Amino acid sequence: VQLQAFGGGLVQAGGSLRLSCAASGRPFGPYTMGWFRQAPGKEREFVAAVSWSGGSTYYADSVKGRFTTSRDNAKNTLYLQMNSLKPEDTAVYYCAAAGRPYYRGTYSNLYEYDDWGQGTQVTVSS
């Protein structure tokens, strides 16, 4: 599946952004989707994931209570609503699709995802 993330930008601390990830190339519905981020000089880290049905969501502790991920299978689109942003949220954000349909796993590891978007920059100023 081809993924394209967009919606990043510059925002002040405490502000909000909504990222979107558009999927194409194969049916979107059966695949668990995830969000990861990578700050300069740091490894790519898990942010959030949503099960193929949208019924279950998973979050890194650092974003729990502030970020919400969701999906619209009819529109082949994944979302990440980011509220109460902090300077430490500054990173390039990537969306990713699990390698197998109806996959069940921890969802927080890079190796669980086969397809990646190009990333969108989020910068939070203090």
PDB file of N, CA and C in Angstrom:
ATOM      1  N   VAL A   1       0.844  -1.179   0.000  1.00  0.00           N
ATOM      2  CA  VAL A   1       0.000   0.000   0.000  1.00  0.00           C
ATOM      3  C   VAL A   1       0.885   1.236   0.000  1.00  0.00           C
ATOM      4  N   GLN A   2       0.455   2.265  -0.736  1.00  0.00           N
ATOM      5  CA  GLN A   2       1.175   3.535  -0.741  1.00  0.00           C
ATOM      6  C   GLN A   2       0.530   4.463   0.291  1.00  0.00           C
ATOM      7  N   LEU A   3       1.371   5.099   1.084  1.00  0.00           N
ATOM      8  CA  LEU A   3       0.887   5.958   2.153  1.00  0.00           C
ATOM      9  C   LEU A   3       1.452   7.357   2.001  1.00  0.00           C
ATOM     10  N   GLN A   4       0.614   8.341   2.254  1.00  0.00           N
ATOM     11  CA  GLN A   4       1.060   9.727   2.210  1.00  0.00           C
ATOM     12  C   GLN A   4       0.515  10.457   3.426  1.00  0.00           C
ATOM     13  N   ALA A   5       1.432  10.911   4.277  1.00  0.00           N
ATOM     14  CA  ALA A   5       1.056  11.651   5.474  1.00  0.00           C
ATOM     15  C   ALA A   5       1.124  13.147   5.198  1.00  0.00           C
ATOM     16  N   PHE A   6       0.189  13.875   5.774  1.00  0.00           N
ATOM     17  CA  PHE A   6       0.205  15.323   5.641  1.00  0.00           C
ATOM     18  C   PHE A   6      -0.510  15.941   6.839  1.00  0.00           C
ATOM     19  N   GLY A   7      -0.377  17.255   6.959  1.00  0.00           N
ATOM     20  CA  GLY A   7      -1.010  17.968   8.059  1.00  0.00           C
ATOM     21  C   GLY A   7      -0.049  18.514   9.091  1.00  0.00           C
ATOM     22  N   GLY A   8       1.241  18.234   8.933  1.00  0.00           N
ATOM     23  CA  GLY A   8       2.214  18.758   9.876  1.00  0.00           C
ATOM     24  C   GLY A   8       2.386  20.260   9.733  1.00  0.00           C
ATOM     25  N   GLY A   9       3.152  20.832  10.644  1.00  0.00           N
ATOM     26  CA  GLY A   9       3.385  22.268  10.596  1.00  0.00           C
ATOM     27  C   GLY A   9       4.030  22.764  11.862  1.00  0.00           C
ATOM     28  N   LEU A  10       4.033  24.077  12.007  1.00  0.00           N
ATOM     29  CA  LEU A  10       4.600  24.738  13.182  1.00  0.00           C
ATOM     30  C   LEU A  10       3.457  25.187  14.083  1.00  0.00           C
ATOM     31  N   VAL A  11       3.563  24.842  15.359  1.00  0.00           N
ATOM     32  CA  VAL A  11       2.515  25.193  16.312  1.00  0.00           C
ATOM     33  C   VAL A  11       3.163  25.541  17.642  1.00  0.00           C
ATOM     34  N   GLN A  12       2.534  26.398  18.402  1.00  0.00           N
ATOM     35  CA  GLN A  12       3.044  26.743  19.721  1.00  0.00           C
ATOM     36  C   GLN A  12       2.701  25.651  20.730  1.00  0.00           C
ATOM     37  N   ALA A  13       3.487  25.569  21.769  1.00  0.00           N
ATOM     38  CA  ALA A  13       3.217  24.617  22.843  1.00  0.00           C
ATOM     39  C   ALA A  13       1.795  24.829  23.372  1.00  0.00           C
ATOM     40  N   GLY A  14       1.115  23.721  23.590  1.00  0.00           N
ATOM     41  CA  GLY A  14      -0.269  23.774  24.037  1.00  0.00           C
ATOM     42  C   GLY A  14      -1.273  23.737  22.906  1.00  0.00           C
ATOM     43  N   GLY A  15      -0.788  23.886  21.682  1.00  0.00           N
ATOM     44  CA  GLY A  15      -1.663  23.892  20.527  1.00  0.00           C
ATOM     45  C   GLY A  15      -2.006  22.489  20.034  1.00  0.00           C
ATOM     46  N   SER A  16      -2.706  22.450  18.902  1.00  0.00           N
ATOM     47  CA  SER A  16      -3.175  21.188  18.337  1.00  0.00           C
ATOM     48  C   SER A  16      -2.869  21.112  16.848  1.00  0.00           C
ATOM     49  N   LEU A  17      -2.715  19.891  16.388  1.00  0.00           N
ATOM     50  CA  LEU A  17      -2.580  19.600  14.960  1.00  0.00           C
ATOM     51  C   LEU A  17      -3.295  18.290  14.683  1.00  0.00           C
ATOM     52  N   ARG A  18      -3.765  18.143  13.455  1.00  0.00           N
ATOM     53  CA  ARG A  18      -4.364  16.889  13.032  1.00  0.00           C
ATOM     54  C   ARG A  18      -3.625  16.380  11.808  1.00  0.00           C
ATOM     55  N   LEU A  19      -3.000  15.237  11.956  1.00  0.00           N
ATOM     56  CA  LEU A  19      -2.322  14.603  10.838  1.00  0.00           C
ATOM     57  C   LEU A  19      -3.275  13.642  10.144  1.00  0.00           C
ATOM     58  N   SER A  20      -3.104  13.528   8.853  1.00  0.00           N
ATOM     59  CA  SER A  20      -3.851  12.556   8.067  1.00  0.00           C
ATOM     60  C   SER A  20      -2.876  11.702   7.280  1.00  0.00           C
ATOM     61  N   CYS A  21      -3.312  10.507   6.949  1.00  0.00           N
ATOM     62  CA  CYS A  21      -2.493   9.595   6.141  1.00  0.00           C
ATOM     63  C   CYS A  21      -3.424   8.924   5.144  1.00  0.00           C
ATOM     64  N   ALA A  22      -3.217   9.234   3.874  1.00  0.00           N
ATOM     65  CA  ALA A  22      -4.042   8.674   2.821  1.00  0.00           C
ATOM     66  C   ALA A  22      -3.390   7.423   2.256  1.00  0.00           C
ATOM     67  N   ALA A  23      -4.173   6.371   2.110  1.00  0.00           N
ATOM     68  CA  ALA A  23      -3.671   5.086   1.610  1.00  0.00           C
ATOM     69  C   ALA A  23      -4.239   4.803   0.232  1.00  0.00           C
ATOM     70  N   SER A  24      -3.421   4.163  -0.587  1.00  0.00           N
ATOM     71  CA  SER A  24      -3.863   3.766  -1.914  1.00  0.00           C
ATOM     72  C   SER A  24      -3.106   2.525  -2.336  1.00  0.00           C
ATOM     73  N   GLY A  25      -3.618   1.840  -3.345  1.00  0.00           N
ATOM     74  CA  GLY A  25      -2.906   0.709  -3.915  1.00  0.00           C
ATOM     75  C   GLY A  25      -3.447  -0.654  -3.531  1.00  0.00           C
ATOM     76  N   ARG A  26      -4.097  -0.745  -2.389  1.00  0.00           N
ATOM     77  CA  ARG A  26      -4.724  -2.007  -1.994  1.00  0.00           C
ATOM     78  C   ARG A  26      -5.764  -1.672  -0.943  1.00  0.00           C
ATOM     79  N   PRO A  27      -6.659  -2.594  -0.647  1.00  0.00           N
ATOM     80  CA  PRO A  27      -7.668  -2.313   0.377  1.00  0.00           C
ATOM     81  C   PRO A  27      -7.036  -1.932   1.705  1.00  0.00           C
ATOM     82  N   PHE A  28      -7.515  -0.885   2.265  1.00  0.00           N
ATOM     83  CA  PHE A  28      -6.975  -0.307   3.495  1.00  0.00           C
ATOM     84  C   PHE A  28      -7.527  -0.994   4.731  1.00  0.00           C
ATOM     85  N   GLY A  29      -8.764  -1.438   4.633  1.00  0.00           N
ATOM     86  CA  GLY A  29      -9.484  -1.890   5.804  1.00  0.00           C
ATOM     87  C   GLY A  29      -8.853  -2.991   6.624  1.00  0.00           C
ATOM     88  N   PRO A  30      -8.311  -4.050   6.024  1.00  0.00           N
ATOM     89  CA  PRO A  30      -7.847  -5.190   6.823  1.00  0.00           C
ATOM     90  C   PRO A  30      -6.534  -4.986   7.573  1.00  0.00           C
ATOM     91  N   TYR A  31      -5.924  -3.804   7.468  1.00  0.00           N
ATOM     92  CA  TYR A  31      -4.563  -3.643   7.992  1.00  0.00           C
ATOM     93  C   TYR A  31      -4.523  -2.724   9.206  1.00  0.00           C
ATOM     94  N   THR A  32      -3.881  -3.227  10.274  1.00  0.00           N
ATOM     95  CA  THR A  32      -3.563  -2.371  11.400  1.00  0.00           C
ATOM     96  C   THR A  32      -2.662  -1.237  10.924  1.00  0.00           C
ATOM     97  N   MET A  33      -2.927  -0.049  11.426  1.00  0.00           N
ATOM     98  CA  MET A  33      -2.164   1.130  11.022  1.00  0.00           C
ATOM     99  C   MET A  33      -1.499   1.757  12.243  1.00  0.00           C
ATOM    100  N   GLY A  34      -0.316   2.307  12.020  1.00  0.00           N
ATOM    101  CA  GLY A  34       0.423   2.902  13.124  1.00  0.00           C
ATOM    102  C   GLY A  34       1.006   4.256  12.778  1.00  0.00           C
ATOM    103  N   TRP A  35       1.334   4.993  13.824  1.00  0.00           N
ATOM    104  CA  TRP A  35       2.056   6.258  13.711  1.00  0.00           C
ATOM    105  C   TRP A  35       3.368   6.125  14.482  1.00  0.00           C
ATOM    106  N   PHE A  36       4.422   6.585  13.875  1.00  0.00           N
ATOM    107  CA  PHE A  36       5.729   6.638  14.517  1.00  0.00           C
ATOM    108  C   PHE A  36       6.283   8.051  14.319  1.00  0.00           C
ATOM    109  N   ARG A  37       7.306   8.386  15.079  1.00  0.00           N
ATOM    110  CA  ARG A  37       7.950   9.684  14.906  1.00  0.00           C
ATOM    111  C   ARG A  37       9.448   9.550  15.115  1.00  0.00           C
ATOM    112  N   GLN A  38      10.169  10.476  14.511  1.00  0.00           N
ATOM    113  CA  GLN A  38      11.619  10.464  14.641  1.00  0.00           C
ATOM    114  C   GLN A  38      12.117  11.887  14.789  1.00  0.00           C
ATOM    115  N   ALA A  39      12.723  12.156  15.929  1.00  0.00           N
ATOM    116  CA  ALA A  39      13.310  13.462  16.192  1.00  0.00           C
ATOM    117  C   ALA A  39      14.768  13.446  15.738  1.00  0.00           C
ATOM    118  N   PRO A  40      15.355  14.603  15.474  1.00  0.00           N
ATOM    119  CA  PRO A  40      16.752  14.651  15.037  1.00  0.00           C
ATOM    120  C   PRO A  40      17.679  13.961  16.028  1.00  0.00           C
ATOM    121  N   GLY A  41      18.508  13.068  15.505  1.00  0.00           N
ATOM    122  CA  GLY A  41      19.479  12.381  16.335  1.00  0.00           C
ATOM    123  C   GLY A  41      18.912  11.258  17.178  1.00  0.00           C
ATOM    124  N   LYS A  42      17.635  10.950  17.003  1.00  0.00           N
ATOM    125  CA  LYS A  42      17.006   9.909  17.803  1.00  0.00           C
ATOM    126  C   LYS A  42      16.455   8.815  16.901  1.00  0.00           C
ATOM    127  N   GLU A  43      16.181   7.663  17.512  1.00  0.00           N
ATOM    128  CA  GLU A  43      15.598   6.568  16.761  1.00  0.00           C
ATOM    129  C   GLU A  43      14.107   6.808  16.546  1.00  0.00           C
ATOM    130  N   ARG A  44      13.597   6.163  15.519  1.00  0.00           N
ATOM    131  CA  ARG A  44      12.167   6.233  15.258  1.00  0.00           C
ATOM    132  C   ARG A  44      11.427   5.507  16.385  1.00  0.00           C
ATOM    133  N   GLU A  45      10.373   6.134  16.893  1.00  0.00           N
ATOM    134  CA  GLU A  45       9.648   5.558  18.021  1.00  0.00           C
ATOM    135  C   GLU A  45       8.153   5.476  17.761  1.00  0.00           C
ATOM    136  N   PHE A  46       7.551   4.530  18.421  1.00  0.00           N
ATOM    137  CA  PHE A  46       6.122   4.310  18.318  1.00  0.00           C
ATOM    138  C   PHE A  46       5.347   5.449  18.956  1.00  0.00           C
ATOM    139  N   VAL A  47       4.250   5.844  18.306  1.00  0.00           N
ATOM    140  CA  VAL A  47       3.374   6.870  18.851  1.00  0.00           C
ATOM    141  C   VAL A  47       1.987   6.296  19.139  1.00  0.00           C
ATOM    142  N   ALA A  48       1.383   5.690  18.125  1.00  0.00           N
ATOM    143  CA  ALA A  48       0.005   5.204  18.285  1.00  0.00           C
ATOM    144  C   ALA A  48      -0.298   4.176  17.211  1.00  0.00           C
ATOM    145  N   ALA A  49      -1.315   3.351  17.449  1.00  0.00           N
ATOM    146  CA  ALA A  49      -1.765   2.392  16.457  1.00  0.00           C
ATOM    147  C   ALA A  49      -3.259   2.180  16.610  1.00  0.00           C
ATOM    148  N   VAL A  50      -3.876   1.762  15.521  1.00  0.00           N
ATOM    149  CA  VAL A  50      -5.303   1.451  15.539  1.00  0.00           C
ATOM    150  C   VAL A  50      -5.511   0.139  14.808  1.00  0.00           C
ATOM    151  N   SER A  51      -6.321  -0.724  15.383  1.00  0.00           N
ATOM    152  CA  SER A  51      -6.566  -2.040  14.791  1.00  0.00           C
ATOM    153  C   SER A  51      -7.301  -1.896  13.464  1.00  0.00           C
ATOM    154  N   TRP A  52      -7.333  -2.973  12.721  1.00  0.00           N
ATOM    155  CA  TRP A  52      -7.915  -2.926  11.383  1.00  0.00           C
ATOM    156  C   TRP A  52      -9.376  -2.496  11.416  1.00  0.00           C
ATOM    157  N   SER A  53     -10.084  -2.859  12.489  1.00  0.00           N
ATOM    158  CA  SER A  53     -11.498  -2.507  12.582  1.00  0.00           C
ATOM    159  C   SER A  53     -11.714  -1.104  13.132  1.00  0.00           C
ATOM    160  N   GLY A  54     -10.672  -0.545  13.728  1.00  0.00           N
ATOM    161  CA  GLY A  54     -10.819   0.742  14.408  1.00  0.00           C
ATOM    162  C   GLY A  54     -11.317   0.602  15.823  1.00  0.00           C
ATOM    163  N   GLY A  55     -11.559  -0.618  16.258  1.00  0.00           N
ATOM    164  CA  GLY A  55     -12.131  -0.826  17.575  1.00  0.00           C
ATOM    165  C   GLY A  55     -11.147  -0.740  18.716  1.00  0.00           C
ATOM    166  N   SER A  56      -9.877  -0.879  18.413  1.00  0.00           N
ATOM    167  CA  SER A  56      -8.849  -0.833  19.455  1.00  0.00           C
ATOM    168  C   SER A  56      -7.757   0.152  19.071  1.00  0.00           C
ATOM    169  N   THR A  57      -7.322   0.930  20.055  1.00  0.00           N
ATOM    170  CA  THR A  57      -6.233   1.870  19.835  1.00  0.00           C
ATOM    171  C   THR A  57      -5.163   1.677  20.902  1.00  0.00           C
ATOM    172  N   TYR A  58      -3.944   2.052  20.541  1.00  0.00           N
ATOM    173  CA  TYR A  58      -2.798   1.837  21.411  1.00  0.00           C
ATOM    174  C   TYR A  58      -1.929   3.090  21.349  1.00  0.00           C
ATOM    175  N   TYR A  59      -1.352   3.471  22.488  1.00  0.00           N
ATOM    176  CA  TYR A  59      -0.582   4.706  22.542  1.00  0.00           C
ATOM    177  C   TYR A  59       0.695   4.529  23.347  1.00  0.00           C
ATOM    178  N   ALA A  60       1.715   5.270  22.939  1.00  0.00           N
ATOM    179  CA  ALA A  60       2.900   5.373  23.776  1.00  0.00           C
ATOM    180  C   ALA A  60       2.543   6.175  25.022  1.00  0.00           C
ATOM    181  N   ASP A  61       3.212   5.865  26.121  1.00  0.00           N
ATOM    182  CA  ASP A  61       2.917   6.560  27.377  1.00  0.00           C
ATOM    183  C   ASP A  61       3.106   8.070  27.234  1.00  0.00           C
ATOM    184  N   SER A  62       4.051   8.470  26.417  1.00  0.00           N
ATOM    185  CA  SER A  62       4.378   9.889  26.287  1.00  0.00           C
ATOM    186  C   SER A  62       3.266  10.705  25.632  1.00  0.00           C
ATOM    187  N   VAL A  63       2.351  10.044  24.933  1.00  0.00           N
ATOM    188  CA  VAL A  63       1.286  10.784  24.246  1.00  0.00           C
ATOM    189  C   VAL A  63      -0.097  10.423  24.746  1.00  0.00           C
ATOM    190  N   LYS A  64      -0.179   9.454  25.628  1.00  0.00           N
ATOM    191  CA  LYS A  64      -1.469   8.991  26.112  1.00  0.00           C
ATOM    192  C   LYS A  64      -2.224  10.146  26.779  1.00  0.00           C
ATOM    193  N   GLY A  65      -3.492  10.283  26.416  1.00  0.00           N
ATOM    194  CA  GLY A  65      -4.307  11.355  26.965  1.00  0.00           C
ATOM    195  C   GLY A  65      -4.237  12.648  26.172  1.00  0.00           C
ATOM    196  N   ARG A  66      -3.270  12.750  25.261  1.00  0.00           N
ATOM    197  CA  ARG A  66      -3.131  13.968  24.452  1.00  0.00           C
ATOM    198  C   ARG A  66      -3.387  13.689  22.967  1.00  0.00           C
ATOM    199  N   PHE A  67      -3.002  12.506  22.515  1.00  0.00           N
ATOM    200  CA  PHE A  67      -3.163  12.151  21.097  1.00  0.00           C
ATOM    201  C   PHE A  67      -4.275  11.121  20.947  1.00  0.00           C
ATOM    202  N   THR A  68      -4.961  11.196  19.814  1.00  0.00           N
ATOM    203  CA  THR A  68      -6.002  10.226  19.490  1.00  0.00           C
ATOM    204  C   THR A  68      -5.850   9.813  18.031  1.00  0.00           C
ATOM    205  N   THR A  69      -5.791   8.511  17.804  1.00  0.00           N
ATOM    206  CA  THR A  69      -5.733   8.022  16.433  1.00  0.00           C
ATOM    207  C   THR A  69      -7.055   7.373  16.070  1.00  0.00           C
ATOM    208  N   SER A  70      -7.416   7.505  14.805  1.00  0.00           N
ATOM    209  CA  SER A  70      -8.655   6.924  14.310  1.00  0.00           C
ATOM    210  C   SER A  70      -8.485   6.644  12.827  1.00  0.00           C
ATOM    211  N   ARG A  71      -9.453   5.976  12.259  1.00  0.00           N
ATOM    212  CA  ARG A  71      -9.389   5.650  10.827  1.00  0.00           C
ATOM    213  C   ARG A  71     -10.779   5.683  10.228  1.00  0.00           C
ATOM    214  N   ASP A  72     -10.822   5.980   8.947  1.00  0.00           N
ATOM    215  CA  ASP A  72     -12.047   5.928   8.171  1.00  0.00           C
ATOM    216  C   ASP A  72     -11.773   4.979   7.014  1.00  0.00           C
ATOM    217  N   ASN A  73     -12.194   3.743   7.158  1.00  0.00           N
ATOM    218  CA  ASN A  73     -11.893   2.733   6.137  1.00  0.00           C
ATOM    219  C   ASN A  73     -12.586   3.051   4.812  1.00  0.00           C
ATOM    220  N   ALA A  74     -13.712   3.711   4.862  1.00  0.00           N
ATOM    221  CA  ALA A  74     -14.405   4.074   3.626  1.00  0.00           C
ATOM    222  C   ALA A  74     -13.610   5.099   2.825  1.00  0.00           C
ATOM    223  N   LYS A  75     -12.834   5.922   3.519  1.00  0.00           N
ATOM    224  CA  LYS A  75     -12.031   6.948   2.856  1.00  0.00           C
ATOM    225  C   LYS A  75     -10.569   6.557   2.744  1.00  0.00           C
ATOM    226  N   ASN A  76     -10.225   5.355   3.221  1.00  0.00           N
ATOM    227  CA  ASN A  76      -8.826   4.905   3.186  1.00  0.00           C
ATOM    228  C   ASN A  76      -7.885   5.915   3.852  1.00  0.00           C
ATOM    229  N   THR A  77      -8.311   6.436   4.983  1.00  0.00           N
ATOM    230  CA  THR A  77      -7.551   7.485   5.638  1.00  0.00           C
ATOM    231  C   THR A  77      -7.392   7.202   7.128  1.00  0.00           C
ATOM    232  N   LEU A  78      -6.189   7.480   7.597  1.00  0.00           N
ATOM    233  CA  LEU A  78      -5.809   7.354   9.000  1.00  0.00           C
ATOM    234  C   LEU A  78      -5.602   8.754   9.555  1.00  0.00           C
ATOM    235  N   TYR A  79      -5.956   8.950  10.830  1.00  0.00           N
ATOM    236  CA  TYR A  79      -5.826  10.276  11.443  1.00  0.00           C
ATOM    237  C   TYR A  79      -5.052  10.195  12.755  1.00  0.00           C
ATOM    238  N   LEU A  80      -4.412  11.302  13.093  1.00  0.00           N
ATOM    239  CA  LEU A  80      -3.791  11.456  14.402  1.00  0.00           C
ATOM    240  C   LEU A  80      -4.102  12.864  14.892  1.00  0.00           C
ATOM    241  N   GLN A  81      -4.985  12.968  15.865  1.00  0.00           N
ATOM    242  CA  GLN A  81      -5.306  14.244  16.482  1.00  0.00           C
ATOM    243  C   GLN A  81      -4.348  14.459  17.642  1.00  0.00           C
ATOM    244  N   MET A  82      -3.612  15.552  17.589  1.00  0.00           N
ATOM    245  CA  MET A  82      -2.596  15.838  18.598  1.00  0.00           C
ATOM    246  C   MET A  82      -2.981  17.110  19.337  1.00  0.00           C
ATOM    247  N   ASN A  83      -3.243  16.986  20.620  1.00  0.00           N
ATOM    248  CA  ASN A  83      -3.611  18.123  21.463  1.00  0.00           C
ATOM    249  C   ASN A  83      -2.547  18.337  22.526  1.00  0.00           C
ATOM    250  N   SER A  84      -2.584  19.504  23.138  1.00  0.00           N
ATOM    251  CA  SER A  84      -1.641  19.847  24.212  1.00  0.00           C
ATOM    252  C   SER A  84      -0.212  19.533  23.810  1.00  0.00           C
ATOM    253  N   LEU A  85       0.149  19.968  22.640  1.00  0.00           N
ATOM    254  CA  LEU A  85       1.478  19.655  22.102  1.00  0.00           C
ATOM    255  C   LEU A  85       2.581  20.276  22.941  1.00  0.00           C
ATOM    256  N   LYS A  86       3.691  19.550  23.009  1.00  0.00           N
ATOM    257  CA  LYS A  86       4.860  19.966  23.768  1.00  0.00           C
ATOM    258  C   LYS A  86       6.060  20.068  22.830  1.00  0.00           C
ATOM    259  N   PRO A  87       7.055  20.871  23.190  1.00  0.00           N
ATOM    260  CA  PRO A  87       8.256  20.951  22.340  1.00  0.00           C
ATOM    261  C   PRO A  87       8.885  19.578  22.087  1.00  0.00           C
ATOM    262  N   GLU A  88       8.800  18.675  23.033  1.00  0.00           N
ATOM    263  CA  GLU A  88       9.383  17.346  22.838  1.00  0.00           C
ATOM    264  C   GLU A  88       8.595  16.483  21.857  1.00  0.00           C
ATOM    265  N   ASP A  89       7.450  16.948  21.399  1.00  0.00           N
ATOM    266  CA  ASP A  89       6.721  16.250  20.340  1.00  0.00           C
ATOM    267  C   ASP A  89       7.266  16.596  18.956  1.00  0.00           C
ATOM    268  N   THR A  90       8.194  17.519  18.880  1.00  0.00           N
ATOM    269  CA  THR A  90       8.783  17.907  17.602  1.00  0.00           C
ATOM    270  C   THR A  90       9.494  16.722  16.970  1.00  0.00           C
ATOM    271  N   ALA A  91       9.104  16.400  15.745  1.00  0.00           N
ATOM    272  CA  ALA A  91       9.658  15.234  15.041  1.00  0.00           C
ATOM    273  C   ALA A  91       9.038  15.154  13.652  1.00  0.00           C
ATOM    274  N   VAL A  92       9.592  14.261  12.858  1.00  0.00           N
ATOM    275  CA  VAL A  92       8.922  13.870  11.620  1.00  0.00           C
ATOM    276  C   VAL A  92       8.007  12.703  11.970  1.00  0.00           C
ATOM    277  N   TYR A  93       6.749  12.811  11.593  1.00  0.00           N
ATOM    278  CA  TYR A  93       5.755  11.796  11.904  1.00  0.00           C
ATOM    279  C   TYR A  93       5.481  10.951  10.667  1.00  0.00           C
ATOM    280  N   TYR A  94       5.501   9.635  10.862  1.00  0.00           N
ATOM    281  CA  TYR A  94       5.297   8.676   9.789  1.00  0.00           C
ATOM    282  C   TYR A  94       4.068   7.813  10.078  1.00  0.00           C
ATOM    283  N   CYS A  95       3.309   7.524   9.030  1.00  0.00           N
ATOM    284  CA  CYS A  95       2.265   6.521   9.159  1.00  0.00           C
ATOM    285  C   CYS A  95       2.773   5.224   8.527  1.00  0.00           C
ATOM    286  N   ALA A  96       2.237   4.112   8.990  1.00  0.00           N
ATOM    287  CA  ALA A  96       2.713   2.820   8.534  1.00  0.00           C
ATOM    288  C   ALA A  96       1.577   1.813   8.556  1.00  0.00           C
ATOM    289  N   ALA A  97       1.683   0.818   7.682  1.00  0.00           N
ATOM    290  CA  ALA A  97       0.685  -0.240   7.583  1.00  0.00           C
ATOM    291  C   ALA A  97       1.313  -1.577   7.942  1.00  0.00           C
ATOM    292  N   ALA A  98       0.609  -2.355   8.742  1.00  0.00           N
ATOM    293  CA  ALA A  98       1.115  -3.675   9.120  1.00  0.00           C
ATOM    294  C   ALA A  98       1.287  -4.542   7.885  1.00  0.00           C
ATOM    295  N   GLY A  99       2.193  -5.518   7.990  1.00  0.00           N
ATOM    296  CA  GLY A  99       2.526  -6.330   6.841  1.00  0.00           C
ATOM    297  C   GLY A  99       1.503  -7.376   6.481  1.00  0.00           C
ATOM    298  N   ARG A 100       0.648  -7.752   7.418  1.00  0.00           N
ATOM    299  CA  ARG A 100      -0.332  -8.799   7.158  1.00  0.00           C
ATOM    300  C   ARG A 100      -1.724  -8.308   7.522  1.00  0.00           C
ATOM    301  N   PRO A 101      -2.735  -8.748   6.767  1.00  0.00           N
ATOM    302  CA  PRO A 101      -4.104  -8.361   7.122  1.00  0.00           C
ATOM    303  C   PRO A 101      -4.539  -9.009   8.425  1.00  0.00           C
ATOM    304  N   TYR A 102      -5.376  -8.315   9.149  1.00  0.00           N
ATOM    305  CA  TYR A 102      -5.935  -8.799  10.420  1.00  0.00           C
ATOM    306  C   TYR A 102      -4.834  -9.201  11.399  1.00  0.00           C
ATOM    307  N   TYR A 103      -3.743  -8.468  11.336  1.00  0.00           N
ATOM    308  CA  TYR A 103      -2.582  -8.780  12.165  1.00  0.00           C
ATOM    309  C   TYR A 103      -2.859  -8.476  13.631  1.00  0.00           C
ATOM    310  N   ARG A 104      -2.401  -9.354  14.512  1.00  0.00           N
ATOM    311  CA  ARG A 104      -2.482  -9.133  15.948  1.00  0.00           C
ATOM    312  C   ARG A 104      -1.085  -9.192  16.526  1.00  0.00           C
ATOM    313  N   GLY A 105      -0.689  -8.132  17.200  1.00  0.00           N
ATOM    314  CA  GLY A 105       0.641  -8.095  17.787  1.00  0.00           C
ATOM    315  C   GLY A 105       0.709  -7.001  18.830  1.00  0.00           C
ATOM    316  N   THR A 106       1.913  -6.545  19.111  1.00  0.00           N
ATOM    317  CA  THR A 106       2.069  -5.469  20.075  1.00  0.00           C
ATOM    318  C   THR A 106       1.856  -4.105  19.428  1.00  0.00           C
ATOM    319  N   TYR A 107       2.057  -4.048  18.133  1.00  0.00           N
ATOM    320  CA  TYR A 107       1.825  -2.863  17.302  1.00  0.00           C
ATOM    321  C   TYR A 107       2.827  -1.737  17.530  1.00  0.00           C
ATOM    322  N   SER A 108       3.762  -1.906  18.433  1.00  0.00           N
ATOM    323  CA  SER A 108       4.673  -0.823  18.766  1.00  0.00           C
ATOM    324  C   SER A 108       6.085  -0.996  18.215  1.00  0.00           C
ATOM    325  N   ASN A 109       6.301  -2.044  17.433  1.00  0.00           N
ATOM    326  CA  ASN A 109       7.626  -2.319  16.890  1.00  0.00           C
ATOM    327  C   ASN A 109       7.697  -1.999  15.407  1.00  0.00           C
ATOM    328  N   LEU A 110       8.819  -1.469  14.985  1.00  0.00           N
ATOM    329  CA  LEU A 110       8.995  -1.113  13.586  1.00  0.00           C
ATOM    330  C   LEU A 110       8.810  -2.315  12.666  1.00  0.00           C
ATOM    331  N   TYR A 111       9.289  -3.480  13.098  1.00  0.00           N
ATOM    332  CA  TYR A 111       9.273  -4.650  12.220  1.00  0.00           C
ATOM    333  C   TYR A 111       7.870  -5.182  11.953  1.00  0.00           C
ATOM    334  N   GLU A 112       6.898  -4.692  12.688  1.00  0.00           N
ATOM    335  CA  GLU A 112       5.520  -5.154  12.476  1.00  0.00           C
ATOM    336  C   GLU A 112       4.855  -4.445  11.295  1.00  0.00           C
ATOM    337  N   TYR A 113       5.540  -3.470  10.731  1.00  0.00           N
ATOM    338  CA  TYR A 113       4.971  -2.665   9.653  1.00  0.00           C
ATOM    339  C   TYR A 113       5.822  -2.787   8.398  1.00  0.00           C
ATOM    340  N   ASP A 114       5.178  -2.977   7.269  1.00  0.00           N
ATOM    341  CA  ASP A 114       5.884  -3.166   6.004  1.00  0.00           C
ATOM    342  C   ASP A 114       5.874  -1.918   5.128  1.00  0.00           C
ATOM    343  N   ASP A 115       4.841  -1.131   5.204  1.00  0.00           N
ATOM    344  CA  ASP A 115       4.694   0.019   4.306  1.00  0.00           C
ATOM    345  C   ASP A 115       4.699   1.303   5.121  1.00  0.00           C
ATOM    346  N   TRP A 116       5.448   2.295   4.617  1.00  0.00           N
ATOM    347  CA  TRP A 116       5.639   3.546   5.333  1.00  0.00           C
ATOM    348  C   TRP A 116       5.368   4.729   4.428  1.00  0.00           C
ATOM    349  N   GLY A 117       4.792   5.762   5.006  1.00  0.00           N
ATOM    350  CA  GLY A 117       4.638   7.019   4.299  1.00  0.00           C
ATOM    351  C   GLY A 117       5.926   7.812   4.346  1.00  0.00           C
ATOM    352  N   GLN A 118       5.929   8.965   3.674  1.00  0.00           N
ATOM    353  CA  GLN A 118       7.155   9.751   3.550  1.00  0.00           C
ATOM    354  C   GLN A 118       7.426  10.634   4.756  1.00  0.00           C
ATOM    355  N   GLY A 119       6.469  10.787   5.652  1.00  0.00           N
ATOM    356  CA  GLY A 119       6.662  11.595   6.848  1.00  0.00           C
ATOM    357  C   GLY A 119       6.225  13.032   6.669  1.00  0.00           C
ATOM    358  N   THR A 120       5.780  13.623   7.771  1.00  0.00           N
ATOM    359  CA  THR A 120       5.392  15.026   7.781  1.00  0.00           C
ATOM    360  C   THR A 120       5.982  15.667   9.034  1.00  0.00           C
ATOM    361  N   GLN A 121       6.563  16.847   8.877  1.00  0.00           N
ATOM    362  CA  GLN A 121       7.268  17.500   9.972  1.00  0.00           C
ATOM    363  C   GLN A 121       6.296  18.202  10.910  1.00  0.00           C
ATOM    364  N   VAL A 122       6.463  17.947  12.204  1.00  0.00           N
ATOM    365  CA  VAL A 122       5.726  18.656  13.242  1.00  0.00           C
ATOM    366  C   VAL A 122       6.741  19.378  14.123  1.00  0.00           C
ATOM    367  N   THR A 123       6.589  20.672  14.247  1.00  0.00           N
ATOM    368  CA  THR A 123       7.486  21.476  15.070  1.00  0.00           C
ATOM    369  C   THR A 123       6.662  22.228  16.103  1.00  0.00           C
ATOM    370  N   VAL A 124       7.012  22.025  17.369  1.00  0.00           N
ATOM    371  CA  VAL A 124       6.299  22.681  18.462  1.00  0.00           C
ATOM    372  C   VAL A 124       7.249  23.661  19.131  1.00  0.00           C
ATOM    373  N   SER A 125       6.900  24.925  19.097  1.00  0.00           N
ATOM    374  CA  SER A 125       7.750  25.960  19.692  1.00  0.00           C
ATOM    375  C   SER A 125       7.329  26.221  21.135  1.00  0.00           C
ATOM    376  N   SER A 126       8.324  26.558  21.939  1.00  0.00           N
ATOM    377  CA  SER A 126       8.046  26.802  23.366  1.00  0.00           C
ATOM    378  C   SER A 126       7.663  28.253  23.620  1.00  0.00           C
TER     379      SER A 126
END
